[in-house]
């Protein structure tokens, strides 16, 4: 897969405190066991409230991931391939 990442700035500062369980960000996994997938780092930390648009140029999978400009923002994401299942990940 070839993943692109674009961050959209919503121009707002966070209003809530970060989750203390994730002081170094969150690694998101949107897959299920055995599903073809790819993983990419996200620009971390995000500047403020907004969202990432993650898009695969190969299978056309797209996901949106919100940010709050806090330490508990996502720092990576593992996404499924719309091509189906195989024995492991790509």
PDB file of N, CA and C in Angstrom:
ATOM      1  N   UNK A   1       0.834  -1.199   0.000  1.00  0.00           N
ATOM      2  CA  UNK A   1       0.000   0.000   0.000  1.00  0.00           C
ATOM      3  C   UNK A   1       0.865   1.242   0.000  1.00  0.00           C
ATOM      4  N   UNK A   2       0.345   2.269  -0.529  1.00  0.00           N
ATOM      5  CA  UNK A   2       0.990   3.577  -0.514  1.00  0.00           C
ATOM      6  C   UNK A   2       0.045   4.531   0.207  1.00  0.00           C
ATOM      7  N   UNK A   3       0.392   4.903   1.436  1.00  0.00           N
ATOM      8  CA  UNK A   3      -0.472   5.758   2.249  1.00  0.00           C
ATOM      9  C   UNK A   3      -0.046   7.215   2.172  1.00  0.00           C
ATOM     10  N   UNK A   4      -1.037   8.092   2.031  1.00  0.00           N
ATOM     11  CA  UNK A   4      -0.795   9.522   2.127  1.00  0.00           C
ATOM     12  C   UNK A   4      -1.488  10.014   3.395  1.00  0.00           C
ATOM     13  N   UNK A   5      -0.909  11.039   4.002  1.00  0.00           N
ATOM     14  CA  UNK A   5      -1.460  11.614   5.223  1.00  0.00           C
ATOM     15  C   UNK A   5      -1.545  13.128   5.039  1.00  0.00           C
ATOM     16  N   UNK A   6      -2.739  13.661   5.266  1.00  0.00           N
ATOM     17  CA  UNK A   6      -2.940  15.107   5.190  1.00  0.00           C
ATOM     18  C   UNK A   6      -3.626  15.545   6.483  1.00  0.00           C
ATOM     19  N   UNK A   7      -3.067  16.571   7.135  1.00  0.00           N
ATOM     20  CA  UNK A   7      -3.671  17.080   8.355  1.00  0.00           C
ATOM     21  C   UNK A   7      -4.491  18.328   8.029  1.00  0.00           C
ATOM     22  N   UNK A   8      -5.718  18.363   8.532  1.00  0.00           N
ATOM     23  CA  UNK A   8      -6.615  19.503   8.334  1.00  0.00           C
ATOM     24  C   UNK A   8      -6.726  20.235   9.668  1.00  0.00           C
ATOM     25  N   UNK A   9      -6.321  21.480   9.678  1.00  0.00           N
ATOM     26  CA  UNK A   9      -6.341  22.306  10.890  1.00  0.00           C
ATOM     27  C   UNK A   9      -7.731  22.891  11.089  1.00  0.00           C
ATOM     28  N   UNK A  10      -8.324  22.632  12.253  1.00  0.00           N
ATOM     29  CA  UNK A  10      -9.632  23.217  12.570  1.00  0.00           C
ATOM     30  C   UNK A  10      -9.490  24.551  13.293  1.00  0.00           C
ATOM     31  N   UNK A  11      -8.246  24.965  13.580  1.00  0.00           N
ATOM     32  CA  UNK A  11      -8.007  26.295  14.132  1.00  0.00           C
ATOM     33  C   UNK A  11      -8.422  26.481  15.583  1.00  0.00           C
ATOM     34  N   UNK A  12      -8.617  25.387  16.307  1.00  0.00           N
ATOM     35  CA  UNK A  12      -9.025  25.495  17.712  1.00  0.00           C
ATOM     36  C   UNK A  12      -7.974  24.866  18.604  1.00  0.00           C
ATOM     37  N   UNK A  13      -7.816  25.420  19.781  1.00  0.00           N
ATOM     38  CA  UNK A  13      -6.925  24.860  20.792  1.00  0.00           C
ATOM     39  C   UNK A  13      -7.719  23.847  21.623  1.00  0.00           C
ATOM     40  N   UNK A  14      -7.037  22.864  22.220  1.00  0.00           N
ATOM     41  CA  UNK A  14      -7.751  21.882  23.037  1.00  0.00           C
ATOM     42  C   UNK A  14      -8.384  22.531  24.264  1.00  0.00           C
ATOM     43  N   UNK A  15      -9.527  22.001  24.678  1.00  0.00           N
ATOM     44  CA  UNK A  15     -10.212  22.524  25.861  1.00  0.00           C
ATOM     45  C   UNK A  15     -10.224  21.505  27.000  1.00  0.00           C
ATOM     46  N   UNK A  16      -9.942  20.250  26.706  1.00  0.00           N
ATOM     47  CA  UNK A  16      -9.924  19.187  27.711  1.00  0.00           C
ATOM     48  C   UNK A  16      -8.489  18.778  28.008  1.00  0.00           C
ATOM     49  N   UNK A  17      -8.279  18.211  29.186  1.00  0.00           N
ATOM     50  CA  UNK A  17      -6.963  17.709  29.559  1.00  0.00           C
ATOM     51  C   UNK A  17      -6.692  16.397  28.831  1.00  0.00           C
ATOM     52  N   UNK A  18      -5.408  16.103  28.545  1.00  0.00           N
ATOM     53  CA  UNK A  18      -5.078  14.854  27.872  1.00  0.00           C
ATOM     54  C   UNK A  18      -5.304  13.654  28.791  1.00  0.00           C
ATOM     55  N   UNK A  19      -5.490  12.497  28.171  1.00  0.00           N
ATOM     56  CA  UNK A  19      -5.638  11.259  28.911  1.00  0.00           C
ATOM     57  C   UNK A  19      -4.261  10.892  29.482  1.00  0.00           C
ATOM     58  N   UNK A  20      -4.122  10.804  30.804  1.00  0.00           N
ATOM     59  CA  UNK A  20      -2.815  10.508  31.398  1.00  0.00           C
ATOM     60  C   UNK A  20      -2.306   9.103  31.088  1.00  0.00           C
ATOM     61  N   UNK A  21      -3.175   8.219  30.584  1.00  0.00           N
ATOM     62  CA  UNK A  21      -2.746   6.870  30.216  1.00  0.00           C
ATOM     63  C   UNK A  21      -1.922   6.841  28.936  1.00  0.00           C
ATOM     64  N   UNK A  22      -1.920   7.943  28.184  1.00  0.00           N
ATOM     65  CA  UNK A  22      -1.199   8.003  26.905  1.00  0.00           C
ATOM     66  C   UNK A  22      -0.329   9.256  26.829  1.00  0.00           C
ATOM     67  N   UNK A  23       0.682   9.362  27.684  1.00  0.00           N
ATOM     68  CA  UNK A  23       1.511  10.575  27.701  1.00  0.00           C
ATOM     69  C   UNK A  23       2.417  10.713  26.475  1.00  0.00           C
ATOM     70  N   UNK A  24       2.591   9.616  25.719  1.00  0.00           N
ATOM     71  CA  UNK A  24       3.457   9.626  24.539  1.00  0.00           C
ATOM     72  C   UNK A  24       2.704   9.279  23.265  1.00  0.00           C
ATOM     73  N   UNK A  25       1.414   9.559  23.233  1.00  0.00           N
ATOM     74  CA  UNK A  25       0.615   9.316  22.039  1.00  0.00           C
ATOM     75  C   UNK A  25       0.022   7.924  21.983  1.00  0.00           C
ATOM     76  N   UNK A  26      -0.790   7.713  20.962  1.00  0.00           N
ATOM     77  CA  UNK A  26      -1.511   6.456  20.783  1.00  0.00           C
ATOM     78  C   UNK A  26      -1.168   5.872  19.413  1.00  0.00           C
ATOM     79  N   UNK A  27      -0.931   4.570  19.388  1.00  0.00           N
ATOM     80  CA  UNK A  27      -0.787   3.830  18.136  1.00  0.00           C
ATOM     81  C   UNK A  27      -2.148   3.215  17.835  1.00  0.00           C
ATOM     82  N   UNK A  28      -2.809   3.705  16.795  1.00  0.00           N
ATOM     83  CA  UNK A  28      -4.133   3.203  16.431  1.00  0.00           C
ATOM     84  C   UNK A  28      -4.017   1.974  15.541  1.00  0.00           C
ATOM     85  N   UNK A  29      -4.921   1.020  15.720  1.00  0.00           N
ATOM     86  CA  UNK A  29      -4.977  -0.171  14.880  1.00  0.00           C
ATOM     87  C   UNK A  29      -6.428  -0.368  14.458  1.00  0.00           C
ATOM     88  N   UNK A  30      -6.706  -0.178  13.179  1.00  0.00           N
ATOM     89  CA  UNK A  30      -8.063  -0.305  12.652  1.00  0.00           C
ATOM     90  C   UNK A  30      -8.285  -1.651  11.959  1.00  0.00           C
ATOM     91  N   UNK A  31      -7.418  -2.612  12.199  1.00  0.00           N
ATOM     92  CA  UNK A  31      -7.498  -3.901  11.504  1.00  0.00           C
ATOM     93  C   UNK A  31      -8.023  -5.003  12.418  1.00  0.00           C
ATOM     94  N   UNK A  32      -8.292  -6.146  11.790  1.00  0.00           N
ATOM     95  CA  UNK A  32      -8.600  -7.356  12.535  1.00  0.00           C
ATOM     96  C   UNK A  32      -7.517  -8.380  12.205  1.00  0.00           C
ATOM     97  N   UNK A  33      -7.359  -9.380  13.061  1.00  0.00           N
ATOM     98  CA  UNK A  33      -6.308 -10.385  12.895  1.00  0.00           C
ATOM     99  C   UNK A  33      -6.402 -11.039  11.517  1.00  0.00           C
ATOM    100  N   UNK A  34      -5.268 -11.137  10.836  1.00  0.00           N
ATOM    101  CA  UNK A  34      -5.202 -11.793   9.535  1.00  0.00           C
ATOM    102  C   UNK A  34      -5.514 -10.902   8.350  1.00  0.00           C
ATOM    103  N   UNK A  35      -5.906  -9.674   8.607  1.00  0.00           N
ATOM    104  CA  UNK A  35      -6.280  -8.763   7.530  1.00  0.00           C
ATOM    105  C   UNK A  35      -5.035  -8.101   6.947  1.00  0.00           C
ATOM    106  N   UNK A  36      -4.996  -7.979   5.626  1.00  0.00           N
ATOM    107  CA  UNK A  36      -3.908  -7.242   4.983  1.00  0.00           C
ATOM    108  C   UNK A  36      -3.929  -5.824   5.507  1.00  0.00           C
ATOM    109  N   UNK A  37      -2.760  -5.243   5.692  1.00  0.00           N
ATOM    110  CA  UNK A  37      -2.718  -3.913   6.297  1.00  0.00           C
ATOM    111  C   UNK A  37      -1.410  -3.210   5.993  1.00  0.00           C
ATOM    112  N   UNK A  38      -1.394  -1.930   6.293  1.00  0.00           N
ATOM    113  CA  UNK A  38      -0.186  -1.113   6.271  1.00  0.00           C
ATOM    114  C   UNK A  38      -0.226  -0.200   7.477  1.00  0.00           C
ATOM    115  N   UNK A  39       0.943   0.243   7.878  1.00  0.00           N
ATOM    116  CA  UNK A  39       1.055   1.131   9.024  1.00  0.00           C
ATOM    117  C   UNK A  39       1.879   2.348   8.616  1.00  0.00           C
ATOM    118  N   UNK A  40       1.493   3.499   9.141  1.00  0.00           N
ATOM    119  CA  UNK A  40       2.251   4.712   8.882  1.00  0.00           C
ATOM    120  C   UNK A  40       2.309   5.565  10.145  1.00  0.00           C
ATOM    121  N   UNK A  41       3.406   6.294  10.281  1.00  0.00           N
ATOM    122  CA  UNK A  41       3.504   7.274  11.357  1.00  0.00           C
ATOM    123  C   UNK A  41       2.675   8.488  10.984  1.00  0.00           C
ATOM    124  N   UNK A  42       2.162   9.149  11.998  1.00  0.00           N
ATOM    125  CA  UNK A  42       1.425  10.393  11.810  1.00  0.00           C
ATOM    126  C   UNK A  42       2.272  11.530  12.380  1.00  0.00           C
ATOM    127  N   UNK A  43       2.201  12.719  11.792  1.00  0.00           N
ATOM    128  CA  UNK A  43       2.929  13.846  12.370  1.00  0.00           C
ATOM    129  C   UNK A  43       2.478  14.042  13.820  1.00  0.00           C
ATOM    130  N   UNK A  44       3.421  13.953  14.736  1.00  0.00           N
ATOM    131  CA  UNK A  44       3.086  13.982  16.161  1.00  0.00           C
ATOM    132  C   UNK A  44       4.050  14.901  16.881  1.00  0.00           C
ATOM    133  N   UNK A  45       3.557  15.704  17.792  1.00  0.00           N
ATOM    134  CA  UNK A  45       2.151  15.924  18.104  1.00  0.00           C
ATOM    135  C   UNK A  45       1.497  16.859  17.090  1.00  0.00           C
ATOM    136  N   UNK A  46       0.179  16.783  16.996  1.00  0.00           N
ATOM    137  CA  UNK A  46      -0.557  17.700  16.118  1.00  0.00           C
ATOM    138  C   UNK A  46      -0.488  19.099  16.714  1.00  0.00           C
ATOM    139  N   UNK A  47      -0.593  20.100  15.872  1.00  0.00           N
ATOM    140  CA  UNK A  47      -0.491  21.494  16.335  1.00  0.00           C
ATOM    141  C   UNK A  47      -1.649  21.897  17.245  1.00  0.00           C
ATOM    142  N   UNK A  48      -2.844  21.401  16.920  1.00  0.00           N
ATOM    143  CA  UNK A  48      -4.061  21.733  17.693  1.00  0.00           C
ATOM    144  C   UNK A  48      -5.196  20.856  17.197  1.00  0.00           C
ATOM    145  N   UNK A  49      -6.412  21.218  17.471  1.00  0.00           N
ATOM    146  CA  UNK A  49      -7.562  20.415  17.037  1.00  0.00           C
ATOM    147  C   UNK A  49      -7.643  20.370  15.513  1.00  0.00           C
ATOM    148  N   UNK A  50      -7.892  19.194  15.023  1.00  0.00           N
ATOM    149  CA  UNK A  50      -8.003  18.989  13.591  1.00  0.00           C
ATOM    150  C   UNK A  50      -8.195  17.513  13.310  1.00  0.00           C
ATOM    151  N   UNK A  51      -7.809  17.108  12.100  1.00  0.00           N
ATOM    152  CA  UNK A  51      -7.907  15.687  11.773  1.00  0.00           C
ATOM    153  C   UNK A  51      -6.959  15.334  10.636  1.00  0.00           C
ATOM    154  N   UNK A  52      -6.554  14.061  10.644  1.00  0.00           N
ATOM    155  CA  UNK A  52      -5.749  13.502   9.564  1.00  0.00           C
ATOM    156  C   UNK A  52      -6.678  12.779   8.604  1.00  0.00           C
ATOM    157  N   UNK A  53      -6.420  12.946   7.324  1.00  0.00           N
ATOM    158  CA  UNK A  53      -7.059  12.133   6.297  1.00  0.00           C
ATOM    159  C   UNK A  53      -5.963  11.193   5.797  1.00  0.00           C
ATOM    160  N   UNK A  54      -6.148   9.892   6.044  1.00  0.00           N
ATOM    161  CA  UNK A  54      -5.185   8.876   5.624  1.00  0.00           C
ATOM    162  C   UNK A  54      -5.819   8.127   4.465  1.00  0.00           C
ATOM    163  N   UNK A  55      -5.099   8.072   3.343  1.00  0.00           N
ATOM    164  CA  UNK A  55      -5.656   7.514   2.114  1.00  0.00           C
ATOM    165  C   UNK A  55      -4.639   6.576   1.468  1.00  0.00           C
ATOM    166  N   UNK A  56      -5.106   5.404   1.041  1.00  0.00           N
ATOM    167  CA  UNK A  56      -4.257   4.463   0.320  1.00  0.00           C
ATOM    168  C   UNK A  56      -4.429   4.678  -1.180  1.00  0.00           C
ATOM    169  N   UNK A  57      -3.335   4.939  -1.850  1.00  0.00           N
ATOM    170  CA  UNK A  57      -3.385   5.159  -3.294  1.00  0.00           C
ATOM    171  C   UNK A  57      -3.624   3.860  -4.060  1.00  0.00           C
ATOM    172  N   UNK A  58      -3.343   2.720  -3.433  1.00  0.00           N
ATOM    173  CA  UNK A  58      -3.490   1.436  -4.110  1.00  0.00           C
ATOM    174  C   UNK A  58      -4.919   0.895  -4.026  1.00  0.00           C
ATOM    175  N   UNK A  59      -5.466   0.771  -2.799  1.00  0.00           N
ATOM    176  CA  UNK A  59      -6.796   0.161  -2.670  1.00  0.00           C
ATOM    177  C   UNK A  59      -7.900   1.193  -2.443  1.00  0.00           C
ATOM    178  N   UNK A  60      -7.530   2.457  -2.293  1.00  0.00           N
ATOM    179  CA  UNK A  60      -8.471   3.578  -2.133  1.00  0.00           C
ATOM    180  C   UNK A  60      -9.127   3.653  -0.755  1.00  0.00           C
ATOM    181  N   UNK A  61      -8.622   2.874   0.220  1.00  0.00           N
ATOM    182  CA  UNK A  61      -9.146   2.969   1.591  1.00  0.00           C
ATOM    183  C   UNK A  61      -8.843   4.366   2.136  1.00  0.00           C
ATOM    184  N   UNK A  62      -9.815   4.968   2.813  1.00  0.00           N
ATOM    185  CA  UNK A  62      -9.631   6.287   3.429  1.00  0.00           C
ATOM    186  C   UNK A  62     -10.209   6.258   4.838  1.00  0.00           C
ATOM    187  N   UNK A  63      -9.491   6.889   5.759  1.00  0.00           N
ATOM    188  CA  UNK A  63      -9.979   7.031   7.122  1.00  0.00           C
ATOM    189  C   UNK A  63      -9.664   8.436   7.621  1.00  0.00           C
ATOM    190  N   UNK A  64     -10.444   8.882   8.580  1.00  0.00           N
ATOM    191  CA  UNK A  64     -10.227  10.190   9.200  1.00  0.00           C
ATOM    192  C   UNK A  64      -9.945   9.961  10.678  1.00  0.00           C
ATOM    193  N   UNK A  65      -8.899  10.614  11.181  1.00  0.00           N
ATOM    194  CA  UNK A  65      -8.471  10.458  12.562  1.00  0.00           C
ATOM    195  C   UNK A  65      -8.380  11.833  13.194  1.00  0.00           C
ATOM    196  N   UNK A  66      -9.107  12.042  14.274  1.00  0.00           N
ATOM    197  CA  UNK A  66      -9.138  13.359  14.906  1.00  0.00           C
ATOM    198  C   UNK A  66      -7.910  13.593  15.778  1.00  0.00           C
ATOM    199  N   UNK A  67      -7.575  14.876  15.935  1.00  0.00           N
ATOM    200  CA  UNK A  67      -6.484  15.297  16.808  1.00  0.00           C
ATOM    201  C   UNK A  67      -6.972  16.416  17.713  1.00  0.00           C
ATOM    202  N   UNK A  68      -6.269  16.589  18.827  1.00  0.00           N
ATOM    203  CA  UNK A  68      -6.642  17.648  19.766  1.00  0.00           C
ATOM    204  C   UNK A  68      -5.455  18.515  20.153  1.00  0.00           C
ATOM    205  N   UNK A  69      -4.286  18.263  19.559  1.00  0.00           N
ATOM    206  CA  UNK A  69      -3.114  19.051  19.912  1.00  0.00           C
ATOM    207  C   UNK A  69      -2.647  18.771  21.330  1.00  0.00           C
ATOM    208  N   UNK A  70      -2.760  17.497  21.743  1.00  0.00           N
ATOM    209  CA  UNK A  70      -2.382  17.106  23.100  1.00  0.00           C
ATOM    210  C   UNK A  70      -1.434  15.904  23.043  1.00  0.00           C
ATOM    211  N   UNK A  71      -0.782  15.579  24.165  1.00  0.00           N
ATOM    212  CA  UNK A  71       0.129  14.430  24.189  1.00  0.00           C
ATOM    213  C   UNK A  71      -0.549  13.094  23.892  1.00  0.00           C
ATOM    214  N   UNK A  72      -1.852  12.999  24.089  1.00  0.00           N
ATOM    215  CA  UNK A  72      -2.548  11.734  23.841  1.00  0.00           C
ATOM    216  C   UNK A  72      -3.081  11.603  22.411  1.00  0.00           C
ATOM    217  N   UNK A  73      -2.621  12.447  21.509  1.00  0.00           N
ATOM    218  CA  UNK A  73      -3.012  12.349  20.099  1.00  0.00           C
ATOM    219  C   UNK A  73      -2.435  11.076  19.463  1.00  0.00           C
ATOM    220  N   UNK A  74      -3.034  10.619  18.356  1.00  0.00           N
ATOM    221  CA  UNK A  74      -2.486   9.477  17.631  1.00  0.00           C
ATOM    222  C   UNK A  74      -1.111   9.802  17.062  1.00  0.00           C
ATOM    223  N   UNK A  75      -0.203   8.816  17.122  1.00  0.00           N
ATOM    224  CA  UNK A  75       1.132   9.001  16.541  1.00  0.00           C
ATOM    225  C   UNK A  75       1.399   8.038  15.387  1.00  0.00           C
ATOM    226  N   UNK A  76       0.549   7.015  15.249  1.00  0.00           N
ATOM    227  CA  UNK A  76       0.633   6.108  14.105  1.00  0.00           C
ATOM    228  C   UNK A  76      -0.725   5.461  13.911  1.00  0.00           C
ATOM    229  N   UNK A  77      -0.909   4.882  12.714  1.00  0.00           N
ATOM    230  CA  UNK A  77      -2.155   4.173  12.432  1.00  0.00           C
ATOM    231  C   UNK A  77      -1.854   2.975  11.537  1.00  0.00           C
ATOM    232  N   UNK A  78      -2.496   1.870  11.852  1.00  0.00           N
ATOM    233  CA  UNK A  78      -2.448   0.657  11.036  1.00  0.00           C
ATOM    234  C   UNK A  78      -3.823   0.519  10.411  1.00  0.00           C
ATOM    235  N   UNK A  79      -3.872   0.485   9.072  1.00  0.00           N
ATOM    236  CA  UNK A  79      -5.151   0.482   8.363  1.00  0.00           C
ATOM    237  C   UNK A  79      -5.308  -0.794   7.542  1.00  0.00           C
ATOM    238  N   UNK A  80      -6.560  -1.241   7.364  1.00  0.00           N
ATOM    239  CA  UNK A  80      -6.804  -2.441   6.564  1.00  0.00           C
ATOM    240  C   UNK A  80      -6.724  -2.155   5.073  1.00  0.00           C
ATOM    241  N   UNK A  81      -6.461  -3.211   4.333  1.00  0.00           N
ATOM    242  CA  UNK A  81      -6.490  -3.134   2.875  1.00  0.00           C
ATOM    243  C   UNK A  81      -7.858  -3.621   2.411  1.00  0.00           C
ATOM    244  N   UNK A  82      -8.514  -2.877   1.554  1.00  0.00           N
ATOM    245  CA  UNK A  82      -9.818  -3.292   1.042  1.00  0.00           C
ATOM    246  C   UNK A  82      -9.716  -4.506   0.140  1.00  0.00           C
ATOM    247  N   UNK A  83      -8.496  -4.932  -0.154  1.00  0.00           N
ATOM    248  CA  UNK A  83      -8.285  -6.105  -1.005  1.00  0.00           C
ATOM    249  C   UNK A  83      -8.622  -7.417  -0.318  1.00  0.00           C
ATOM    250  N   UNK A  84      -8.828  -7.424   0.985  1.00  0.00           N
ATOM    251  CA  UNK A  84      -9.234  -8.645   1.679  1.00  0.00           C
ATOM    252  C   UNK A  84      -8.204  -9.169   2.652  1.00  0.00           C
ATOM    253  N   UNK A  85      -8.245 -10.477   2.888  1.00  0.00           N
ATOM    254  CA  UNK A  85      -7.403 -11.126   3.886  1.00  0.00           C
ATOM    255  C   UNK A  85      -6.251 -11.871   3.229  1.00  0.00           C
ATOM    256  N   UNK A  86      -5.190 -12.043   3.990  1.00  0.00           N
ATOM    257  CA  UNK A  86      -4.111 -12.958   3.621  1.00  0.00           C
ATOM    258  C   UNK A  86      -3.513 -13.513   4.904  1.00  0.00           C
ATOM    259  N   UNK A  87      -2.356 -14.138   4.824  1.00  0.00           N
ATOM    260  CA  UNK A  87      -1.772 -14.778   5.989  1.00  0.00           C
ATOM    261  C   UNK A  87      -1.132 -13.785   6.957  1.00  0.00           C
ATOM    262  N   UNK A  88      -0.934 -12.569   6.584  1.00  0.00           N
ATOM    263  CA  UNK A  88      -0.266 -11.616   7.455  1.00  0.00           C
ATOM    264  C   UNK A  88      -0.457 -10.201   6.983  1.00  0.00           C
ATOM    265  N   UNK A  89       0.424  -9.340   7.415  1.00  0.00           N
ATOM    266  CA  UNK A  89       0.331  -7.937   7.041  1.00  0.00           C
ATOM    267  C   UNK A  89       1.387  -7.594   6.019  1.00  0.00           C
ATOM    268  N   UNK A  90       1.119  -6.548   5.282  1.00  0.00           N
ATOM    269  CA  UNK A  90       2.085  -6.067   4.304  1.00  0.00           C
ATOM    270  C   UNK A  90       3.007  -5.070   4.959  1.00  0.00           C
TER     271      UNK A  90
END
